Amino acid sequence: MSTVRKTINRSDLIEPLNALLALQEPVTPGERRAAIAVGEAALHRAGSYKGFQYLPTELDENGQLIPGYDDTRRRYS
């Protein structure tokens, strides 16, 4: 009888979440907040949360946040 695997690789979870956060449409801010919460919880539980970084589309040519940026578009490093 084979053993059932009960865990997944973190990257198998985080990579699709980051892809979802990067989408412009039709993802809503609420959906992005849910993805962020799932990613944060998984990384914290695994002891590998290292903060987040903003997507390049949220930064101007000087690397500063664009006024009025959408904080639901962050991604994790």
PDB file of N, CA and C in Angstrom:
ATOM      1  N   MET A   1       0.847  -1.169   0.000  1.00  0.00           N
ATOM      2  CA  MET A   1       0.000   0.000   0.000  1.00  0.00           C
ATOM      3  C   MET A   1       0.899   1.242   0.000  1.00  0.00           C
ATOM      4  N   SER A   2       0.580   2.221  -0.854  1.00  0.00           N
ATOM      5  CA  SER A   2       1.397   3.431  -0.927  1.00  0.00           C
ATOM      6  C   SER A   2       0.978   4.430   0.150  1.00  0.00           C
ATOM      7  N   THR A   3       1.942   5.254   0.514  1.00  0.00           N
ATOM      8  CA  THR A   3       1.697   6.285   1.511  1.00  0.00           C
ATOM      9  C   THR A   3       1.170   7.542   0.818  1.00  0.00           C
ATOM     10  N   VAL A   4       0.210   8.195   1.420  1.00  0.00           N
ATOM     11  CA  VAL A   4      -0.347   9.430   0.867  1.00  0.00           C
ATOM     12  C   VAL A   4       0.469  10.604   1.390  1.00  0.00           C
ATOM     13  N   ARG A   5       0.928  11.418   0.480  1.00  0.00           N
ATOM     14  CA  ARG A   5       1.689  12.599   0.861  1.00  0.00           C
ATOM     15  C   ARG A   5       0.719  13.671   1.364  1.00  0.00           C
ATOM     16  N   LYS A   6       1.034  14.277   2.505  1.00  0.00           N
ATOM     17  CA  LYS A   6       0.118  15.242   3.108  1.00  0.00           C
ATOM     18  C   LYS A   6       0.634  16.671   3.055  1.00  0.00           C
ATOM     19  N   THR A   7       1.788  16.878   2.445  1.00  0.00           N
ATOM     20  CA  THR A   7       2.336  18.224   2.341  1.00  0.00           C
ATOM     21  C   THR A   7       2.667  18.538   0.893  1.00  0.00           C
ATOM     22  N   ILE A   8       2.878  19.817   0.616  1.00  0.00           N
ATOM     23  CA  ILE A   8       3.304  20.241  -0.712  1.00  0.00           C
ATOM     24  C   ILE A   8       4.566  21.070  -0.570  1.00  0.00           C
ATOM     25  N   ASN A   9       5.288  21.220  -1.651  1.00  0.00           N
ATOM     26  CA  ASN A   9       6.440  22.115  -1.650  1.00  0.00           C
ATOM     27  C   ASN A   9       5.940  23.548  -1.571  1.00  0.00           C
ATOM     28  N   ARG A  10       6.635  24.380  -0.813  1.00  0.00           N
ATOM     29  CA  ARG A  10       6.222  25.778  -0.688  1.00  0.00           C
ATOM     30  C   ARG A  10       6.132  26.452  -2.048  1.00  0.00           C
ATOM     31  N   SER A  11       7.098  26.191  -2.912  1.00  0.00           N
ATOM     32  CA  SER A  11       7.083  26.848  -4.220  1.00  0.00           C
ATOM     33  C   SER A  11       5.866  26.451  -5.046  1.00  0.00           C
ATOM     34  N   ASP A  12       5.345  25.243  -4.828  1.00  0.00           N
ATOM     35  CA  ASP A  12       4.140  24.814  -5.545  1.00  0.00           C
ATOM     36  C   ASP A  12       2.916  25.618  -5.114  1.00  0.00           C
ATOM     37  N   LEU A  13       2.977  26.236  -3.965  1.00  0.00           N
ATOM     38  CA  LEU A  13       1.892  27.093  -3.491  1.00  0.00           C
ATOM     39  C   LEU A  13       2.186  28.557  -3.792  1.00  0.00           C
ATOM     40  N   ILE A  14       3.395  29.007  -3.494  1.00  0.00           N
ATOM     41  CA  ILE A  14       3.729  30.425  -3.583  1.00  0.00           C
ATOM     42  C   ILE A  14       3.811  30.917  -5.028  1.00  0.00           C
ATOM     43  N   GLU A  15       4.358  30.113  -5.939  1.00  0.00           N
ATOM     44  CA  GLU A  15       4.470  30.562  -7.332  1.00  0.00           C
ATOM     45  C   GLU A  15       3.120  30.885  -7.960  1.00  0.00           C
ATOM     46  N   PRO A  16       2.093  30.023  -7.819  1.00  0.00           N
ATOM     47  CA  PRO A  16       0.782  30.401  -8.371  1.00  0.00           C
ATOM     48  C   PRO A  16       0.169  31.618  -7.663  1.00  0.00           C
ATOM     49  N   LEU A  17       0.419  31.746  -6.369  1.00  0.00           N
ATOM     50  CA  LEU A  17      -0.107  32.916  -5.657  1.00  0.00           C
ATOM     51  C   LEU A  17       0.551  34.188  -6.182  1.00  0.00           C
ATOM     52  N   ASN A  18       1.863  34.168  -6.389  1.00  0.00           N
ATOM     53  CA  ASN A  18       2.544  35.336  -6.944  1.00  0.00           C
ATOM     54  C   ASN A  18       2.030  35.652  -8.341  1.00  0.00           C
ATOM     55  N   ALA A  19       1.774  34.626  -9.143  1.00  0.00           N
ATOM     56  CA  ALA A  19       1.232  34.852 -10.486  1.00  0.00           C
ATOM     57  C   ALA A  19      -0.140  35.510 -10.400  1.00  0.00           C
ATOM     58  N   LEU A  20      -0.958  35.078  -9.459  1.00  0.00           N
ATOM     59  CA  LEU A  20      -2.279  35.675  -9.256  1.00  0.00           C
ATOM     60  C   LEU A  20      -2.144  37.141  -8.855  1.00  0.00           C
ATOM     61  N   LEU A  21      -1.203  37.451  -7.965  1.00  0.00           N
ATOM     62  CA  LEU A  21      -1.013  38.830  -7.517  1.00  0.00           C
ATOM     63  C   LEU A  21      -0.555  39.733  -8.664  1.00  0.00           C
ATOM     64  N   ALA A  22       0.151  39.175  -9.622  1.00  0.00           N
ATOM     65  CA  ALA A  22       0.668  39.971 -10.738  1.00  0.00           C
ATOM     66  C   ALA A  22      -0.378  40.254 -11.805  1.00  0.00           C
ATOM     67  N   LEU A  23      -1.476  39.500 -11.830  1.00  0.00           N
ATOM     68  CA  LEU A  23      -2.507  39.703 -12.844  1.00  0.00           C
ATOM     69  C   LEU A  23      -3.174  41.066 -12.691  1.00  0.00           C
ATOM     70  N   GLN A  24      -3.461  41.686 -13.799  1.00  0.00           N
ATOM     71  CA  GLN A  24      -4.170  42.971 -13.781  1.00  0.00           C
ATOM     72  C   GLN A  24      -5.679  42.762 -13.694  1.00  0.00           C
ATOM     73  N   GLU A  25      -6.207  41.882 -14.464  1.00  0.00           N
ATOM     74  CA  GLU A  25      -7.646  41.607 -14.507  1.00  0.00           C
ATOM     75  C   GLU A  25      -7.843  40.119 -14.689  1.00  0.00           C
ATOM     76  N   PRO A  26      -8.898  39.540 -14.285  1.00  0.00           N
ATOM     77  CA  PRO A  26     -10.068  40.060 -13.603  1.00  0.00           C
ATOM     78  C   PRO A  26      -9.974  39.912 -12.086  1.00  0.00           C
ATOM     79  N   VAL A  27      -8.783  39.783 -11.565  1.00  0.00           N
ATOM     80  CA  VAL A  27      -8.610  39.570 -10.131  1.00  0.00           C
ATOM     81  C   VAL A  27      -8.964  40.850  -9.371  1.00  0.00           C
ATOM     82  N   THR A  28      -9.758  40.703  -8.315  1.00  0.00           N
ATOM     83  CA  THR A  28     -10.173  41.857  -7.515  1.00  0.00           C
ATOM     84  C   THR A  28      -9.212  42.063  -6.349  1.00  0.00           C
ATOM     85  N   PRO A  29      -9.215  43.249  -5.735  1.00  0.00           N
ATOM     86  CA  PRO A  29      -8.385  43.457  -4.549  1.00  0.00           C
ATOM     87  C   PRO A  29      -8.702  42.450  -3.440  1.00  0.00           C
ATOM     88  N   GLY A  30      -9.964  42.065  -3.282  1.00  0.00           N
ATOM     89  CA  GLY A  30     -10.327  41.080  -2.261  1.00  0.00           C
ATOM     90  C   GLY A  30      -9.702  39.718  -2.528  1.00  0.00           C
ATOM     91  N   GLU A  31      -9.679  39.335  -3.800  1.00  0.00           N
ATOM     92  CA  GLU A  31      -9.048  38.061  -4.166  1.00  0.00           C
ATOM     93  C   GLU A  31      -7.545  38.116  -3.924  1.00  0.00           C
ATOM     94  N   ARG A  32      -6.926  39.243  -4.238  1.00  0.00           N
ATOM     95  CA  ARG A  32      -5.485  39.383  -3.984  1.00  0.00           C
ATOM     96  C   ARG A  32      -5.195  39.361  -2.492  1.00  0.00           C
ATOM     97  N   ARG A  33      -6.032  40.016  -1.682  1.00  0.00           N
ATOM     98  CA  ARG A  33      -5.830  39.986  -0.221  1.00  0.00           C
ATOM     99  C   ARG A  33      -5.925  38.553   0.313  1.00  0.00           C
ATOM    100  N   ALA A  34      -6.842  37.764  -0.236  1.00  0.00           N
ATOM    101  CA  ALA A  34      -6.967  36.361   0.182  1.00  0.00           C
ATOM    102  C   ALA A  34      -5.710  35.583  -0.197  1.00  0.00           C
ATOM    103  N   ALA A  35      -5.188  35.801  -1.394  1.00  0.00           N
ATOM    104  CA  ALA A  35      -3.957  35.126  -1.818  1.00  0.00           C
ATOM    105  C   ALA A  35      -2.790  35.523  -0.916  1.00  0.00           C
ATOM    106  N   ILE A  36      -2.710  36.798  -0.565  1.00  0.00           N
ATOM    107  CA  ILE A  36      -1.652  37.282   0.327  1.00  0.00           C
ATOM    108  C   ILE A  36      -1.756  36.590   1.682  1.00  0.00           C
ATOM    109  N   ALA A  37      -2.976  36.492   2.214  1.00  0.00           N
ATOM    110  CA  ALA A  37      -3.174  35.859   3.529  1.00  0.00           C
ATOM    111  C   ALA A  37      -2.749  34.393   3.504  1.00  0.00           C
ATOM    112  N   VAL A  38      -3.101  33.681   2.434  1.00  0.00           N
ATOM    113  CA  VAL A  38      -2.714  32.269   2.318  1.00  0.00           C
ATOM    114  C   VAL A  38      -1.191  32.153   2.242  1.00  0.00           C
ATOM    115  N   GLY A  39      -0.571  32.969   1.408  1.00  0.00           N
ATOM    116  CA  GLY A  39       0.881  32.922   1.269  1.00  0.00           C
ATOM    117  C   GLY A  39       1.603  33.260   2.556  1.00  0.00           C
ATOM    118  N   GLU A  40       1.159  34.332   3.229  1.00  0.00           N
ATOM    119  CA  GLU A  40       1.772  34.705   4.512  1.00  0.00           C
ATOM    120  C   GLU A  40       1.657  33.577   5.524  1.00  0.00           C
ATOM    121  N   ALA A  41       0.471  33.002   5.646  1.00  0.00           N
ATOM    122  CA  ALA A  41       0.256  31.933   6.632  1.00  0.00           C
ATOM    123  C   ALA A  41       1.142  30.731   6.335  1.00  0.00           C
ATOM    124  N   ALA A  42       1.222  30.335   5.064  1.00  0.00           N
ATOM    125  CA  ALA A  42       2.043  29.171   4.701  1.00  0.00           C
ATOM    126  C   ALA A  42       3.512  29.426   4.986  1.00  0.00           C
ATOM    127  N   LEU A  43       3.999  30.605   4.623  1.00  0.00           N
ATOM    128  CA  LEU A  43       5.411  30.910   4.847  1.00  0.00           C
ATOM    129  C   LEU A  43       5.733  31.068   6.331  1.00  0.00           C
ATOM    130  N   HIS A  44       4.839  31.704   7.083  1.00  0.00           N
ATOM    131  CA  HIS A  44       5.064  31.837   8.529  1.00  0.00           C
ATOM    132  C   HIS A  44       5.102  30.465   9.196  1.00  0.00           C
ATOM    133  N   ARG A  45       4.178  29.597   8.850  1.00  0.00           N
ATOM    134  CA  ARG A  45       4.132  28.260   9.470  1.00  0.00           C
ATOM    135  C   ARG A  45       5.363  27.441   9.128  1.00  0.00           C
ATOM    136  N   ALA A  46       5.912  27.679   7.942  1.00  0.00           N
ATOM    137  CA  ALA A  46       7.114  26.953   7.523  1.00  0.00           C
ATOM    138  C   ALA A  46       8.387  27.608   8.063  1.00  0.00           C
ATOM    139  N   GLY A  47       8.234  28.780   8.700  1.00  0.00           N
ATOM    140  CA  GLY A  47       9.399  29.482   9.230  1.00  0.00           C
ATOM    141  C   GLY A  47      10.265  30.098   8.148  1.00  0.00           C
ATOM    142  N   SER A  48       9.673  30.394   6.985  1.00  0.00           N
ATOM    143  CA  SER A  48      10.475  30.932   5.891  1.00  0.00           C
ATOM    144  C   SER A  48       9.956  32.260   5.338  1.00  0.00           C
ATOM    145  N   TYR A  49       9.145  32.958   6.118  1.00  0.00           N
ATOM    146  CA  TYR A  49       8.643  34.262   5.680  1.00  0.00           C
ATOM    147  C   TYR A  49       9.786  35.270   5.745  1.00  0.00           C
ATOM    148  N   LYS A  50      10.019  35.980   4.647  1.00  0.00           N
ATOM    149  CA  LYS A  50      11.111  36.949   4.586  1.00  0.00           C
ATOM    150  C   LYS A  50      10.612  38.323   4.170  1.00  0.00           C
ATOM    151  N   GLY A  51       9.356  38.595   4.402  1.00  0.00           N
ATOM    152  CA  GLY A  51       8.798  39.873   4.008  1.00  0.00           C
ATOM    153  C   GLY A  51       8.272  39.826   2.590  1.00  0.00           C
ATOM    154  N   PHE A  52       8.019  40.989   2.021  1.00  0.00           N
ATOM    155  CA  PHE A  52       7.488  41.068   0.670  1.00  0.00           C
ATOM    156  C   PHE A  52       8.212  42.160  -0.076  1.00  0.00           C
ATOM    157  N   GLN A  53       8.002  42.174  -1.367  1.00  0.00           N
ATOM    158  CA  GLN A  53       8.506  43.261  -2.196  1.00  0.00           C
ATOM    159  C   GLN A  53       7.389  43.698  -3.130  1.00  0.00           C
ATOM    160  N   TYR A  54       7.455  44.958  -3.539  1.00  0.00           N
ATOM    161  CA  TYR A  54       6.432  45.459  -4.449  1.00  0.00           C
ATOM    162  C   TYR A  54       6.737  45.025  -5.873  1.00  0.00           C
ATOM    163  N   LEU A  55       5.690  44.860  -6.666  1.00  0.00           N
ATOM    164  CA  LEU A  55       5.862  44.536  -8.073  1.00  0.00           C
ATOM    165  C   LEU A  55       6.468  45.739  -8.796  1.00  0.00           C
ATOM    166  N   PRO A  56       7.251  45.505  -9.838  1.00  0.00           N
ATOM    167  CA  PRO A  56       7.849  46.624 -10.572  1.00  0.00           C
ATOM    168  C   PRO A  56       6.819  47.626 -11.088  1.00  0.00           C
ATOM    169  N   THR A  57       5.612  47.186 -11.363  1.00  0.00           N
ATOM    170  CA  THR A  57       4.582  48.093 -11.862  1.00  0.00           C
ATOM    171  C   THR A  57       4.108  49.080 -10.797  1.00  0.00           C
ATOM    172  N   GLU A  58       4.472  48.863  -9.542  1.00  0.00           N
ATOM    173  CA  GLU A  58       4.077  49.774  -8.465  1.00  0.00           C
ATOM    174  C   GLU A  58       5.159  50.809  -8.166  1.00  0.00           C
ATOM    175  N   LEU A  59       6.264  50.764  -8.912  1.00  0.00           N
ATOM    176  CA  LEU A  59       7.390  51.662  -8.665  1.00  0.00           C
ATOM    177  C   LEU A  59       7.612  52.581  -9.859  1.00  0.00           C
ATOM    178  N   ASP A  60       8.057  53.804  -9.584  1.00  0.00           N
ATOM    179  CA  ASP A  60       8.388  54.710 -10.688  1.00  0.00           C
ATOM    180  C   ASP A  60       9.820  54.459 -11.152  1.00  0.00           C
ATOM    181  N   GLU A  61      10.300  55.283 -12.080  1.00  0.00           N
ATOM    182  CA  GLU A  61      11.637  55.068 -12.650  1.00  0.00           C
ATOM    183  C   GLU A  61      12.758  55.231 -11.619  1.00  0.00           C
ATOM    184  N   ASN A  62      12.460  55.859 -10.488  1.00  0.00           N
ATOM    185  CA  ASN A  62      13.455  56.024  -9.416  1.00  0.00           C
ATOM    186  C   ASN A  62      13.341  54.953  -8.335  1.00  0.00           C
ATOM    187  N   GLY A  63      12.442  53.979  -8.548  1.00  0.00           N
ATOM    188  CA  GLY A  63      12.268  52.924  -7.554  1.00  0.00           C
ATOM    189  C   GLY A  63      11.395  53.314  -6.381  1.00  0.00           C
ATOM    190  N   GLN A  64      10.671  54.421  -6.496  1.00  0.00           N
ATOM    191  CA  GLN A  64       9.782  54.889  -5.435  1.00  0.00           C
ATOM    192  C   GLN A  64       8.359  54.429  -5.731  1.00  0.00           C
ATOM    193  N   LEU A  65       7.580  54.208  -4.667  1.00  0.00           N
ATOM    194  CA  LEU A  65       6.181  53.807  -4.854  1.00  0.00           C
ATOM    195  C   LEU A  65       5.400  54.893  -5.580  1.00  0.00           C
ATOM    196  N   ILE A  66       4.582  54.462  -6.527  1.00  0.00           N
ATOM    197  CA  ILE A  66       3.717  55.378  -7.256  1.00  0.00           C
ATOM    198  C   ILE A  66       2.608  55.833  -6.307  1.00  0.00           C
ATOM    199  N   PRO A  67       2.323  57.133  -6.239  1.00  0.00           N
ATOM    200  CA  PRO A  67       1.235  57.605  -5.374  1.00  0.00           C
ATOM    201  C   PRO A  67      -0.071  56.887  -5.699  1.00  0.00           C
ATOM    202  N   GLY A  68      -0.777  56.454  -4.668  1.00  0.00           N
ATOM    203  CA  GLY A  68      -2.043  55.761  -4.849  1.00  0.00           C
ATOM    204  C   GLY A  68      -1.890  54.312  -5.273  1.00  0.00           C
ATOM    205  N   TYR A  69      -0.722  53.713  -5.014  1.00  0.00           N
ATOM    206  CA  TYR A  69      -0.494  52.324  -5.423  1.00  0.00           C
ATOM    207  C   TYR A  69      -1.506  51.396  -4.757  1.00  0.00           C
ATOM    208  N   ASP A  70      -1.719  50.258  -5.379  1.00  0.00           N
ATOM    209  CA  ASP A  70      -2.644  49.239  -4.875  1.00  0.00           C
ATOM    210  C   ASP A  70      -1.838  48.255  -4.027  1.00  0.00           C
ATOM    211  N   ASP A  71      -1.964  48.321  -2.721  1.00  0.00           N
ATOM    212  CA  ASP A  71      -1.136  47.485  -1.845  1.00  0.00           C
ATOM    213  C   ASP A  71      -1.528  46.012  -1.859  1.00  0.00           C
ATOM    214  N   THR A  72      -2.505  45.634  -2.673  1.00  0.00           N
ATOM    215  CA  THR A  72      -2.831  44.219  -2.804  1.00  0.00           C
ATOM    216  C   THR A  72      -2.010  43.567  -3.909  1.00  0.00           C
ATOM    217  N   ARG A  73      -1.106  44.291  -4.519  1.00  0.00           N
ATOM    218  CA  ARG A  73      -0.286  43.731  -5.596  1.00  0.00           C
ATOM    219  C   ARG A  73       1.116  43.373  -5.127  1.00  0.00           C
ATOM    220  N   ARG A  74       1.320  43.223  -3.839  1.00  0.00           N
ATOM    221  CA  ARG A  74       2.656  42.849  -3.371  1.00  0.00           C
ATOM    222  C   ARG A  74       2.904  41.373  -3.601  1.00  0.00           C
ATOM    223  N   ARG A  75       4.145  41.000  -3.622  1.00  0.00           N
ATOM    224  CA  ARG A  75       4.511  39.603  -3.775  1.00  0.00           C
ATOM    225  C   ARG A  75       5.610  39.292  -2.783  1.00  0.00           C
ATOM    226  N   TYR A  76       5.806  38.039  -2.520  1.00  0.00           N
ATOM    227  CA  TYR A  76       6.748  37.620  -1.493  1.00  0.00           C
ATOM    228  C   TYR A  76       8.050  37.162  -2.093  1.00  0.00           C
ATOM    229  N   SER A  77       9.119  37.456  -1.363  1.00  0.00           N
ATOM    230  CA  SER A  77      10.436  37.028  -1.823  1.00  0.00           C
ATOM    231  C   SER A  77      10.788  35.691  -1.257  1.00  0.00           C
TER     232      SER A  77
END
